[in-house]
Every structure is written in structure tokens, then in C-alpha cells.
Amino acid sequence: MAQNAHKLNITAGLLGLLIAFSASVSAASDSLTLAGGEEVPLSGRDLLGGGLMTELVAATYHRAGYQTSVKFQPWARAYVDTRDTYHDASFSYVRSKQRVGEMYYSRPLLRMGVKLISANNGPVAELPDGPTRLCLPIGYAVPDSIGWRLSSLRSEIIRARNMRNCLDMVGNGRAHLTVTAPIIAAHLISKNTDLDPLDDFSFHPAPETWHELHLITSRAHPDGDLLKREFNRAWETLCADGTAQSIMARHQEAFQTRIPDGWSRVELACPQPESAQ
């Protein structure tokens, strides 16, 4: 009897360890590591809730049943680390031909107007036929929606560490143009230089284009497609019950800055019920 009792105790102990191990694996699988870029006023470690995009992404994954932690990194590093599965997902990215072979794209979360930007008194105050020097941050892919216009300008692409550096290069004449959302440019100019976004820069009204910002997961990640699909389903519910709109309202103050009227618009890209996939 004693021997049988001893065996039962061993079996019960092993079963307890197995249950505890399974619980820890389950808990770990419900935690996601996300990579976000420093792009004021959309995302950044010093912003309310990490910024509008950060809070939207975290709330969407929370709705899907996940806990999240966010690591803010330079864009190029965030992309590579996510592609190589050191992170479970990253944000915010526009769809581009260079990336679709490596990443899954979520439904768009935000939609922003994008302009070509030059110095007011620079060598290309009026957009020429070309050639021009276009500054883009390292890791910044040319969006499909604007690539045709840049080709027509016969632009030579030069790279800088970040968008702030690109704006500095445009301001001092080392580059002719950069491309970003006016709301982002205005924040960077106002907070990091002695220049004025309206007096010293031209936000060209043509071409008119919009960027849709997505979450991405790696095609090399064993759960990459699942994480994208779960995110999409949760995003639909976040829009349907007004949670996404409430988050947007909390961040409105961050989008008040000195740029031309109508060019600061940032819109939620909520899916229409009839288009749900």
C-alpha cells in the first residue's frame, strides 16, 4: 500500500507540474511584444498612452484577448526585428510593394493626407519636372500611392536618420523635397527647429494622396497570419461599439498645430459593416 501511495504521490506531482507548465505557456502565448516607431503625434514613448496609433493597436489586441508591451525603435530597426520575429507585430506602416512579400498587413487603422514638402525659398519652390533630391528616412518605403509622382520628378533618393533630419536638409537646401503628412512635419518643425512650418516650408497641394496606416506581422512568424486575422476581427468590434472613436477623441489636442486649414486631418479607417471580411 505504501509503495502504491508513493507512486500516486509522484504521479500527482508530475501532473501538477504539467498543469503549471501548460498554464505558463498559455499565459506567455497571450502576451505580445510590439514595435512602434517614434512618430509624433501618432506614436512615441512621451505621448499620452504612447500616442493615438499605439493606443488603438493595444486596445484592439486587448479586445482580442492579448496583453501587449510596446518597444519604441527607429523605423528600420522595428521593421527588421519584426520581420525576423523578434517582435510579434509592428506599426504604423503604409502598404508598399517592397514589403508585401515579407509582411501581412492588417486592415488600415488611420488615414492621413500626405504632401510633398519643399523650402519656401528653396531651389524648387514650384515643383519642377525634375531632377530633384528627395530625402526619405532610413527604412521609409516610397508609398505606392505617390511613387508615380516621384518618378515623374526623376528624384534621386537620399536617406537620413529620421524625418526631422529630412526636414532640416530641405530647410538648408541639401535636399529639395521630402514627403510626409503635414501634421507630422509641422510638429517636427515647430518643436525641433527655429523654422516655422508655414513661413519657411511649402506644403504642395498636388499631388493629393492619402496614406493608410496598418499594423504588420511577419510572414515568417508561426502565428503571423493568425495575429493579423484576430486583429482585424477585434478592430471591427472596436469601431462598431465606439471605442475607437473614444480613443481618437482623447488624442485630438495632439493634432492642433499651425498648418494650412484642412491639411491636418487624421481619420479613423473603420470598416463599413457590409465590407467586413
C-alpha atoms as a PDB file:
ATOM      1  CA  MET A   1       0.000   0.000   0.000  1.00  0.00           C
ATOM      2  CA  ALA A   2       2.796   2.401   0.954  1.00  0.00           C
ATOM      3  CA  GLN A   3       4.511   1.742  -2.394  1.00  0.00           C
ATOM      4  CA  ASN A   4       1.267   2.426  -4.283  1.00  0.00           C
ATOM      5  CA  ALA A   5       0.706   5.598  -2.295  1.00  0.00           C
ATOM      6  CA  HIS A   6       4.242   6.716  -3.142  1.00  0.00           C
ATOM      7  CA  LYS A   7       3.564   6.134  -6.862  1.00  0.00           C
ATOM      8  CA  LEU A   8       0.314   8.084  -6.599  1.00  0.00           C
ATOM      9  CA  ASN A   9       2.150  10.999  -4.980  1.00  0.00           C
ATOM     10  CA  ILE A  10       4.772  11.010  -7.753  1.00  0.00           C
ATOM     11  CA  THR A  11       2.053  10.862 -10.425  1.00  0.00           C
ATOM     12  CA  ALA A  12       0.104  13.681  -8.772  1.00  0.00           C
ATOM     13  CA  GLY A  13       3.267  15.771  -8.519  1.00  0.00           C
ATOM     14  CA  LEU A  14       4.127  15.265 -12.188  1.00  0.00           C
ATOM     15  CA  LEU A  15       0.558  16.122 -13.174  1.00  0.00           C
ATOM     16  CA  GLY A  16       0.717  19.300 -11.124  1.00  0.00           C
ATOM     17  CA  LEU A  17       3.966  20.331 -12.814  1.00  0.00           C
ATOM     18  CA  LEU A  18       2.462  19.600 -16.226  1.00  0.00           C
ATOM     19  CA  ILE A  19      -0.602  21.729 -15.466  1.00  0.00           C
ATOM     20  CA  ALA A  20       1.566  24.581 -14.156  1.00  0.00           C
ATOM     21  CA  PHE A  21       3.802  24.396 -17.247  1.00  0.00           C
ATOM     22  CA  SER A  22       0.801  24.397 -19.548  1.00  0.00           C
ATOM     23  CA  ALA A  23      -0.651  27.418 -17.769  1.00  0.00           C
ATOM     24  CA  SER A  24       2.625  29.319 -18.077  1.00  0.00           C
ATOM     25  CA  VAL A  25       2.842  28.541 -21.807  1.00  0.00           C
ATOM     26  CA  SER A  26      -0.765  29.663 -22.259  1.00  0.00           C
ATOM     27  CA  ALA A  27      -0.100  32.895 -20.387  1.00  0.00           C
ATOM     28  CA  ALA A  28       3.011  33.541 -22.463  1.00  0.00           C
ATOM     29  CA  SER A  29       1.103  32.947 -25.697  1.00  0.00           C
ATOM     30  CA  ASP A  30      -1.427  35.610 -24.621  1.00  0.00           C
ATOM     31  CA  SER A  31       1.316  38.267 -24.332  1.00  0.00           C
ATOM     32  CA  LEU A  32       2.547  40.087 -27.416  1.00  0.00           C
ATOM     33  CA  THR A  33       5.622  42.242 -27.955  1.00  0.00           C
ATOM     34  CA  LEU A  34       5.003  45.125 -30.354  1.00  0.00           C
ATOM     35  CA  ALA A  35       7.446  47.505 -32.019  1.00  0.00           C
ATOM     36  CA  GLY A  36       6.369  51.105 -32.573  1.00  0.00           C
ATOM     37  CA  GLY A  37       8.158  53.982 -34.250  1.00  0.00           C
ATOM     38  CA  GLU A  38       8.720  57.425 -32.759  1.00  0.00           C
ATOM     39  CA  GLU A  39       6.386  59.475 -34.965  1.00  0.00           C
ATOM     40  CA  VAL A  40       4.844  62.383 -33.066  1.00  0.00           C
ATOM     41  CA  PRO A  41       1.920  62.920 -32.765  1.00  0.00           C
ATOM     42  CA  LEU A  42       0.943  59.351 -33.759  1.00  0.00           C
ATOM     43  CA  SER A  43       3.269  57.346 -31.541  1.00  0.00           C
ATOM     44  CA  GLY A  44       6.080  57.899 -29.089  1.00  0.00           C
ATOM     45  CA  ARG A  45       7.165  56.991 -25.587  1.00  0.00           C
ATOM     46  CA  ASP A  46       6.452  60.502 -24.212  1.00  0.00           C
ATOM     47  CA  LEU A  47       2.916  60.817 -25.609  1.00  0.00           C
ATOM     48  CA  LEU A  48      -0.381  60.159 -23.835  1.00  0.00           C
ATOM     49  CA  GLY A  49      -0.911  56.393 -23.969  1.00  0.00           C
ATOM     50  CA  GLY A  50       2.095  56.145 -26.276  1.00  0.00           C
ATOM     51  CA  GLY A  51       0.173  58.148 -28.893  1.00  0.00           C
ATOM     52  CA  LEU A  52      -3.023  57.608 -30.844  1.00  0.00           C
ATOM     53  CA  MET A  53      -1.776  54.733 -33.011  1.00  0.00           C
ATOM     54  CA  THR A  54      -0.195  52.942 -30.046  1.00  0.00           C
ATOM     55  CA  GLU A  55      -3.386  53.106 -28.009  1.00  0.00           C
ATOM     56  CA  LEU A  56      -5.544  51.936 -30.922  1.00  0.00           C
ATOM     57  CA  VAL A  57      -3.281  48.931 -31.530  1.00  0.00           C
ATOM     58  CA  ALA A  58      -3.048  47.986 -27.840  1.00  0.00           C
ATOM     59  CA  ALA A  59      -6.822  48.317 -27.352  1.00  0.00           C
ATOM     60  CA  THR A  60      -7.511  46.180 -30.416  1.00  0.00           C
ATOM     61  CA  TYR A  61      -5.248  43.353 -29.281  1.00  0.00           C
ATOM     62  CA  HIS A  62      -6.679  43.616 -25.758  1.00  0.00           C
ATOM     63  CA  ARG A  63     -10.133  43.129 -27.271  1.00  0.00           C
ATOM     64  CA  ALA A  64      -8.748  40.023 -28.998  1.00  0.00           C
ATOM     65  CA  GLY A  65      -7.600  38.656 -25.615  1.00  0.00           C
ATOM     66  CA  TYR A  66      -3.921  39.645 -25.615  1.00  0.00           C
ATOM     67  CA  GLN A  67      -1.755  41.663 -23.266  1.00  0.00           C
ATOM     68  CA  THR A  68       0.802  43.849 -25.055  1.00  0.00           C
ATOM     69  CA  SER A  69       4.089  45.559 -24.378  1.00  0.00           C
ATOM     70  CA  VAL A  70       5.457  48.178 -26.784  1.00  0.00           C
ATOM     71  CA  LYS A  71       9.081  48.872 -27.588  1.00  0.00           C
ATOM     72  CA  PHE A  72       9.731  52.133 -29.451  1.00  0.00           C
ATOM     73  CA  GLN A  73      12.515  51.865 -32.008  1.00  0.00           C
ATOM     74  CA  PRO A  74      13.786  53.592 -35.158  1.00  0.00           C
ATOM     75  CA  TRP A  75      11.629  52.538 -38.132  1.00  0.00           C
ATOM     76  CA  ALA A  76      14.261  50.459 -39.924  1.00  0.00           C
ATOM     77  CA  ARG A  77      15.132  48.520 -36.757  1.00  0.00           C
ATOM     78  CA  ALA A  78      11.465  47.958 -35.845  1.00  0.00           C
ATOM     79  CA  TYR A  79      10.732  46.592 -39.307  1.00  0.00           C
ATOM     80  CA  VAL A  80      13.727  44.241 -39.433  1.00  0.00           C
ATOM     81  CA  ASP A  81      13.184  42.942 -35.896  1.00  0.00           C
ATOM     82  CA  THR A  82       9.511  42.267 -36.651  1.00  0.00           C
ATOM     83  CA  ARG A  83      10.321  40.606 -39.972  1.00  0.00           C
ATOM     84  CA  ASP A  84      12.822  38.379 -38.166  1.00  0.00           C
ATOM     85  CA  THR A  85      10.165  37.565 -35.481  1.00  0.00           C
ATOM     86  CA  TYR A  86      11.882  39.251 -32.521  1.00  0.00           C
ATOM     87  CA  HIS A  87       8.570  41.119 -32.177  1.00  0.00           C
ATOM     88  CA  ASP A  88       5.076  39.803 -32.799  1.00  0.00           C
ATOM     89  CA  ALA A  89       3.888  42.875 -34.715  1.00  0.00           C
ATOM     90  CA  SER A  90       4.791  46.463 -35.560  1.00  0.00           C
ATOM     91  CA  PHE A  91       3.097  49.743 -36.536  1.00  0.00           C
ATOM     92  CA  SER A  92       2.497  52.155 -38.350  1.00  0.00           C
ATOM     93  CA  TYR A  93       3.180  51.234 -41.984  1.00  0.00           C
ATOM     94  CA  VAL A  94       1.801  52.103 -45.395  1.00  0.00           C
ATOM     95  CA  ARG A  95       1.405  49.324 -47.915  1.00  0.00           C
ATOM     96  CA  SER A  96       4.282  49.092 -50.392  1.00  0.00           C
ATOM     97  CA  LYS A  97       5.473  46.609 -52.988  1.00  0.00           C
ATOM     98  CA  GLN A  98       8.779  46.213 -51.156  1.00  0.00           C
ATOM     99  CA  ARG A  99       7.080  44.876 -48.015  1.00  0.00           C
ATOM    100  CA  VAL A 100       4.137  42.735 -49.073  1.00  0.00           C
ATOM    101  CA  GLY A 101       6.356  39.710 -49.695  1.00  0.00           C
ATOM    102  CA  GLU A 102       7.632  39.793 -46.113  1.00  0.00           C
ATOM    103  CA  MET A 103       4.685  41.050 -44.078  1.00  0.00           C
ATOM    104  CA  TYR A 104       0.973  40.546 -43.512  1.00  0.00           C
ATOM    105  CA  TYR A 105      -0.985  43.813 -43.374  1.00  0.00           C
ATOM    106  CA  SER A 106      -3.919  44.431 -41.075  1.00  0.00           C
ATOM    107  CA  ARG A 107      -6.890  46.473 -42.128  1.00  0.00           C
ATOM    108  CA  PRO A 108      -5.999  50.178 -42.060  1.00  0.00           C
ATOM    109  CA  LEU A 109      -6.487  51.942 -38.744  1.00  0.00           C
ATOM    110  CA  LEU A 110      -5.855  55.568 -39.718  1.00  0.00           C
ATOM    111  CA  ARG A 111      -5.946  57.619 -42.902  1.00  0.00           C
ATOM    112  CA  MET A 112      -3.789  60.739 -43.294  1.00  0.00           C
ATOM    113  CA  GLY A 113      -3.290  63.302 -46.037  1.00  0.00           C
ATOM    114  CA  VAL A 114       0.288  63.361 -47.397  1.00  0.00           C
ATOM    115  CA  LYS A 115       2.102  66.146 -49.256  1.00  0.00           C
ATOM    116  CA  LEU A 116       5.383  66.843 -50.958  1.00  0.00           C
ATOM    117  CA  ILE A 117       7.237  69.447 -48.883  1.00  0.00           C
ATOM    118  CA  SER A 118       9.890  71.919 -50.053  1.00  0.00           C
ATOM    119  CA  ALA A 119      11.530  75.055 -48.660  1.00  0.00           C
ATOM    120  CA  ASN A 120       9.562  78.214 -49.455  1.00  0.00           C
ATOM    121  CA  ASN A 121      12.565  79.953 -50.996  1.00  0.00           C
ATOM    122  CA  GLY A 122      14.416  76.816 -51.998  1.00  0.00           C
ATOM    123  CA  PRO A 123      15.501  75.676 -55.447  1.00  0.00           C
ATOM    124  CA  VAL A 124      12.116  74.038 -56.112  1.00  0.00           C
ATOM    125  CA  ALA A 125       9.518  76.408 -54.646  1.00  0.00           C
ATOM    126  CA  GLU A 126       7.338  75.259 -57.530  1.00  0.00           C
ATOM    127  CA  LEU A 127       7.543  71.557 -58.331  1.00  0.00           C
ATOM    128  CA  PRO A 128       9.701  71.125 -61.456  1.00  0.00           C
ATOM    129  CA  ASP A 129       9.705  68.338 -63.984  1.00  0.00           C
ATOM    130  CA  GLY A 130      12.983  67.203 -62.394  1.00  0.00           C
ATOM    131  CA  PRO A 131      15.576  66.165 -61.449  1.00  0.00           C
ATOM    132  CA  THR A 132      15.329  66.636 -57.678  1.00  0.00           C
ATOM    133  CA  ARG A 133      16.869  65.312 -54.490  1.00  0.00           C
ATOM    134  CA  LEU A 134      14.232  63.647 -52.347  1.00  0.00           C
ATOM    135  CA  CYS A 135      15.032  62.922 -48.696  1.00  0.00           C
ATOM    136  CA  LEU A 136      13.431  59.902 -47.039  1.00  0.00           C
ATOM    137  CA  PRO A 137      14.191  58.445 -43.598  1.00  0.00           C
ATOM    138  CA  ILE A 138      16.065  55.156 -43.419  1.00  0.00           C
ATOM    139  CA  GLY A 139      13.528  52.336 -43.601  1.00  0.00           C
ATOM    140  CA  TYR A 140      10.847  54.555 -45.157  1.00  0.00           C
ATOM    141  CA  ALA A 141       9.425  52.893 -48.267  1.00  0.00           C
ATOM    142  CA  VAL A 142       8.025  55.003 -51.075  1.00  0.00           C
ATOM    143  CA  PRO A 143       4.234  54.560 -50.851  1.00  0.00           C
ATOM    144  CA  ASP A 144       2.575  53.052 -53.906  1.00  0.00           C
ATOM    145  CA  SER A 145       0.086  55.933 -53.909  1.00  0.00           C
ATOM    146  CA  ILE A 146       2.777  58.553 -54.560  1.00  0.00           C
ATOM    147  CA  GLY A 147       5.522  56.613 -56.326  1.00  0.00           C
ATOM    148  CA  TRP A 148       4.337  57.583 -59.800  1.00  0.00           C
ATOM    149  CA  ARG A 149       4.689  61.309 -58.964  1.00  0.00           C
ATOM    150  CA  LEU A 150       8.208  60.886 -57.653  1.00  0.00           C
ATOM    151  CA  SER A 151       9.167  59.008 -60.823  1.00  0.00           C
ATOM    152  CA  SER A 152       7.933  61.925 -62.921  1.00  0.00           C
ATOM    153  CA  LEU A 153      10.193  64.257 -60.916  1.00  0.00           C
ATOM    154  CA  ARG A 154      13.163  61.987 -61.677  1.00  0.00           C
ATOM    155  CA  SER A 155      14.029  62.139 -57.984  1.00  0.00           C
ATOM    156  CA  GLU A 156      17.338  60.982 -56.560  1.00  0.00           C
ATOM    157  CA  ILE A 157      16.537  59.483 -53.154  1.00  0.00           C
ATOM    158  CA  ILE A 158      18.872  60.366 -50.321  1.00  0.00           C
ATOM    159  CA  ARG A 159      18.458  58.859 -46.868  1.00  0.00           C
ATOM    160  CA  ALA A 160      18.514  60.460 -43.429  1.00  0.00           C
ATOM    161  CA  ARG A 161      18.211  59.037 -39.936  1.00  0.00           C
ATOM    162  CA  ASN A 162      14.651  60.287 -39.436  1.00  0.00           C
ATOM    163  CA  MET A 163      12.043  62.702 -40.780  1.00  0.00           C
ATOM    164  CA  ARG A 164      13.302  65.536 -38.611  1.00  0.00           C
ATOM    165  CA  ASN A 165      16.690  65.269 -40.328  1.00  0.00           C
ATOM    166  CA  CYS A 166      14.986  65.230 -43.736  1.00  0.00           C
ATOM    167  CA  LEU A 167      13.142  68.448 -42.907  1.00  0.00           C
ATOM    168  CA  ASP A 168      16.414  70.021 -41.757  1.00  0.00           C
ATOM    169  CA  MET A 169      18.018  69.043 -45.074  1.00  0.00           C
ATOM    170  CA  VAL A 170      15.129  70.560 -47.025  1.00  0.00           C
ATOM    171  CA  GLY A 171      15.328  73.725 -44.939  1.00  0.00           C
ATOM    172  CA  ASN A 172      19.063  74.192 -45.572  1.00  0.00           C
ATOM    173  CA  GLY A 173      18.913  73.250 -49.253  1.00  0.00           C
ATOM    174  CA  ARG A 174      20.772  69.925 -49.093  1.00  0.00           C
ATOM    175  CA  ALA A 175      17.584  68.229 -50.304  1.00  0.00           C
ATOM    176  CA  HIS A 176      14.825  69.652 -52.478  1.00  0.00           C
ATOM    177  CA  LEU A 177      11.858  67.653 -51.202  1.00  0.00           C
ATOM    178  CA  THR A 178      10.553  65.231 -48.628  1.00  0.00           C
ATOM    179  CA  VAL A 179       7.159  63.565 -48.323  1.00  0.00           C
ATOM    180  CA  THR A 180       5.084  63.092 -45.196  1.00  0.00           C
ATOM    181  CA  ALA A 181       1.830  64.124 -43.568  1.00  0.00           C
ATOM    182  CA  PRO A 182       1.746  67.889 -42.873  1.00  0.00           C
ATOM    183  CA  ILE A 183       0.591  67.199 -39.319  1.00  0.00           C
ATOM    184  CA  ILE A 184       3.795  65.220 -38.647  1.00  0.00           C
ATOM    185  CA  ALA A 185       6.023  67.746 -40.416  1.00  0.00           C
ATOM    186  CA  ALA A 186       4.520  70.685 -38.529  1.00  0.00           C
ATOM    187  CA  HIS A 187       5.110  69.054 -35.146  1.00  0.00           C
ATOM    188  CA  LEU A 188       8.717  68.235 -36.002  1.00  0.00           C
ATOM    189  CA  ILE A 189       9.430  71.699 -37.411  1.00  0.00           C
ATOM    190  CA  SER A 190       7.790  73.580 -34.531  1.00  0.00           C
ATOM    191  CA  LYS A 191       9.351  71.530 -31.740  1.00  0.00           C
ATOM    192  CA  ASN A 192      12.833  70.815 -33.081  1.00  0.00           C
ATOM    193  CA  THR A 193      13.950  73.785 -35.218  1.00  0.00           C
ATOM    194  CA  ASP A 194      13.848  77.586 -35.302  1.00  0.00           C
ATOM    195  CA  LEU A 195      11.851  77.410 -38.534  1.00  0.00           C
ATOM    196  CA  ASP A 196       8.135  77.956 -38.965  1.00  0.00           C
ATOM    197  CA  PRO A 197       6.025  75.345 -40.777  1.00  0.00           C
ATOM    198  CA  LEU A 198       4.038  77.967 -42.704  1.00  0.00           C
ATOM    199  CA  ASP A 199       6.638  80.669 -43.276  1.00  0.00           C
ATOM    200  CA  ASP A 200       9.618  78.510 -44.222  1.00  0.00           C
ATOM    201  CA  PHE A 201       8.086  75.487 -45.973  1.00  0.00           C
ATOM    202  CA  SER A 202       5.706  74.852 -48.854  1.00  0.00           C
ATOM    203  CA  PHE A 203       3.149  72.062 -48.485  1.00  0.00           C
ATOM    204  CA  HIS A 204       2.382  71.391 -52.123  1.00  0.00           C
ATOM    205  CA  PRO A 205      -1.323  70.942 -52.813  1.00  0.00           C
ATOM    206  CA  ALA A 206      -0.571  68.466 -55.608  1.00  0.00           C
ATOM    207  CA  PRO A 207      -0.364  65.566 -55.753  1.00  0.00           C
ATOM    208  CA  GLU A 208      -3.214  64.880 -53.333  1.00  0.00           C
ATOM    209  CA  THR A 209      -2.820  61.476 -51.765  1.00  0.00           C
ATOM    210  CA  TRP A 210      -3.724  59.663 -48.573  1.00  0.00           C
ATOM    211  CA  HIS A 211      -1.726  57.223 -46.533  1.00  0.00           C
ATOM    212  CA  GLU A 212      -3.467  54.349 -44.798  1.00  0.00           C
ATOM    213  CA  LEU A 213      -1.592  53.176 -41.728  1.00  0.00           C
ATOM    214  CA  HIS A 214      -1.504  49.467 -40.871  1.00  0.00           C
ATOM    215  CA  LEU A 215      -0.227  47.039 -38.297  1.00  0.00           C
ATOM    216  CA  ILE A 216       2.104  44.427 -39.793  1.00  0.00           C
ATOM    217  CA  THR A 217       3.076  40.884 -38.792  1.00  0.00           C
ATOM    218  CA  SER A 218       5.846  38.803 -40.304  1.00  0.00           C
ATOM    219  CA  ARG A 219       5.128  36.051 -42.805  1.00  0.00           C
ATOM    220  CA  ALA A 220       7.963  34.171 -41.062  1.00  0.00           C
ATOM    221  CA  HIS A 221       6.156  34.322 -37.699  1.00  0.00           C
ATOM    222  CA  PRO A 222       4.427  30.971 -36.975  1.00  0.00           C
ATOM    223  CA  ASP A 223       1.285  32.871 -35.905  1.00  0.00           C
ATOM    224  CA  GLY A 224       1.680  35.879 -38.196  1.00  0.00           C
ATOM    225  CA  ASP A 225      -1.450  35.288 -40.264  1.00  0.00           C
ATOM    226  CA  LEU A 226      -3.495  34.366 -37.172  1.00  0.00           C
ATOM    227  CA  LEU A 227      -2.390  37.522 -35.325  1.00  0.00           C
ATOM    228  CA  LYS A 228      -3.413  39.600 -38.332  1.00  0.00           C
ATOM    229  CA  ARG A 229      -6.837  37.944 -38.632  1.00  0.00           C
ATOM    230  CA  GLU A 230      -7.567  38.204 -34.908  1.00  0.00           C
ATOM    231  CA  PHE A 231      -6.541  41.839 -35.000  1.00  0.00           C
ATOM    232  CA  ASN A 232      -8.866  42.557 -37.928  1.00  0.00           C
ATOM    233  CA  ARG A 233     -11.850  40.949 -36.203  1.00  0.00           C
ATOM    234  CA  ALA A 234     -11.196  42.863 -32.978  1.00  0.00           C
ATOM    235  CA  TRP A 235     -10.679  46.139 -34.867  1.00  0.00           C
ATOM    236  CA  GLU A 236     -14.120  45.767 -36.429  1.00  0.00           C
ATOM    237  CA  THR A 237     -15.736  45.455 -32.987  1.00  0.00           C
ATOM    238  CA  LEU A 238     -13.707  48.372 -31.616  1.00  0.00           C
ATOM    239  CA  CYS A 239     -15.112  50.557 -34.393  1.00  0.00           C
ATOM    240  CA  ALA A 240     -18.645  49.184 -34.103  1.00  0.00           C
ATOM    241  CA  ASP A 241     -19.075  49.919 -30.385  1.00  0.00           C
ATOM    242  CA  GLY A 242     -17.461  53.378 -30.458  1.00  0.00           C
ATOM    243  CA  THR A 243     -14.273  52.500 -28.541  1.00  0.00           C
ATOM    244  CA  ALA A 244     -12.010  53.528 -31.420  1.00  0.00           C
ATOM    245  CA  GLN A 245     -13.833  56.839 -31.735  1.00  0.00           C
ATOM    246  CA  SER A 246     -13.449  57.490 -27.981  1.00  0.00           C
ATOM    247  CA  ILE A 247      -9.705  56.861 -28.184  1.00  0.00           C
ATOM    248  CA  MET A 248      -9.479  59.218 -31.161  1.00  0.00           C
ATOM    249  CA  ALA A 249     -11.290  61.956 -29.214  1.00  0.00           C
ATOM    250  CA  ARG A 250      -8.813  61.710 -26.308  1.00  0.00           C
ATOM    251  CA  HIS A 251      -5.945  62.488 -28.671  1.00  0.00           C
ATOM    252  CA  GLN A 252      -7.476  65.381 -30.628  1.00  0.00           C
ATOM    253  CA  GLU A 253      -5.463  68.011 -28.777  1.00  0.00           C
ATOM    254  CA  ALA A 254      -2.230  66.456 -30.032  1.00  0.00           C
ATOM    255  CA  PHE A 255      -3.265  67.264 -33.610  1.00  0.00           C
ATOM    256  CA  GLN A 256      -3.703  71.009 -33.083  1.00  0.00           C
ATOM    257  CA  THR A 257      -0.805  72.781 -34.760  1.00  0.00           C
ATOM    258  CA  ARG A 258      -0.053  75.563 -37.226  1.00  0.00           C
ATOM    259  CA  ILE A 259      -0.541  74.202 -40.726  1.00  0.00           C
ATOM    260  CA  PRO A 260      -2.920  75.102 -43.559  1.00  0.00           C
ATOM    261  CA  ASP A 261      -6.595  74.542 -42.831  1.00  0.00           C
ATOM    262  CA  GLY A 262      -7.886  71.165 -43.919  1.00  0.00           C
ATOM    263  CA  TRP A 263      -4.413  69.604 -44.154  1.00  0.00           C
ATOM    264  CA  SER A 264      -4.253  68.353 -40.577  1.00  0.00           C
ATOM    265  CA  ARG A 265      -6.987  65.785 -40.956  1.00  0.00           C
ATOM    266  CA  VAL A 266      -6.392  62.364 -39.446  1.00  0.00           C
ATOM    267  CA  GLU A 267      -9.305  59.978 -39.905  1.00  0.00           C
ATOM    268  CA  LEU A 268     -10.189  56.612 -38.467  1.00  0.00           C
ATOM    269  CA  ALA A 269     -10.273  53.997 -41.210  1.00  0.00           C
ATOM    270  CA  CYS A 270     -13.105  51.975 -39.722  1.00  0.00           C
ATOM    271  CA  PRO A 271     -14.535  49.257 -41.991  1.00  0.00           C
ATOM    272  CA  GLN A 272     -18.088  49.542 -43.216  1.00  0.00           C
ATOM    273  CA  PRO A 273     -20.251  46.654 -41.944  1.00  0.00           C
ATOM    274  CA  GLU A 274     -21.097  45.499 -45.465  1.00  0.00           C
ATOM    275  CA  SER A 275     -17.386  45.288 -46.371  1.00  0.00           C
ATOM    276  CA  ALA A 276     -16.409  43.157 -43.377  1.00  0.00           C
ATOM    277  CA  GLN A 277     -14.247  40.204 -44.311  1.00  0.00           C
END
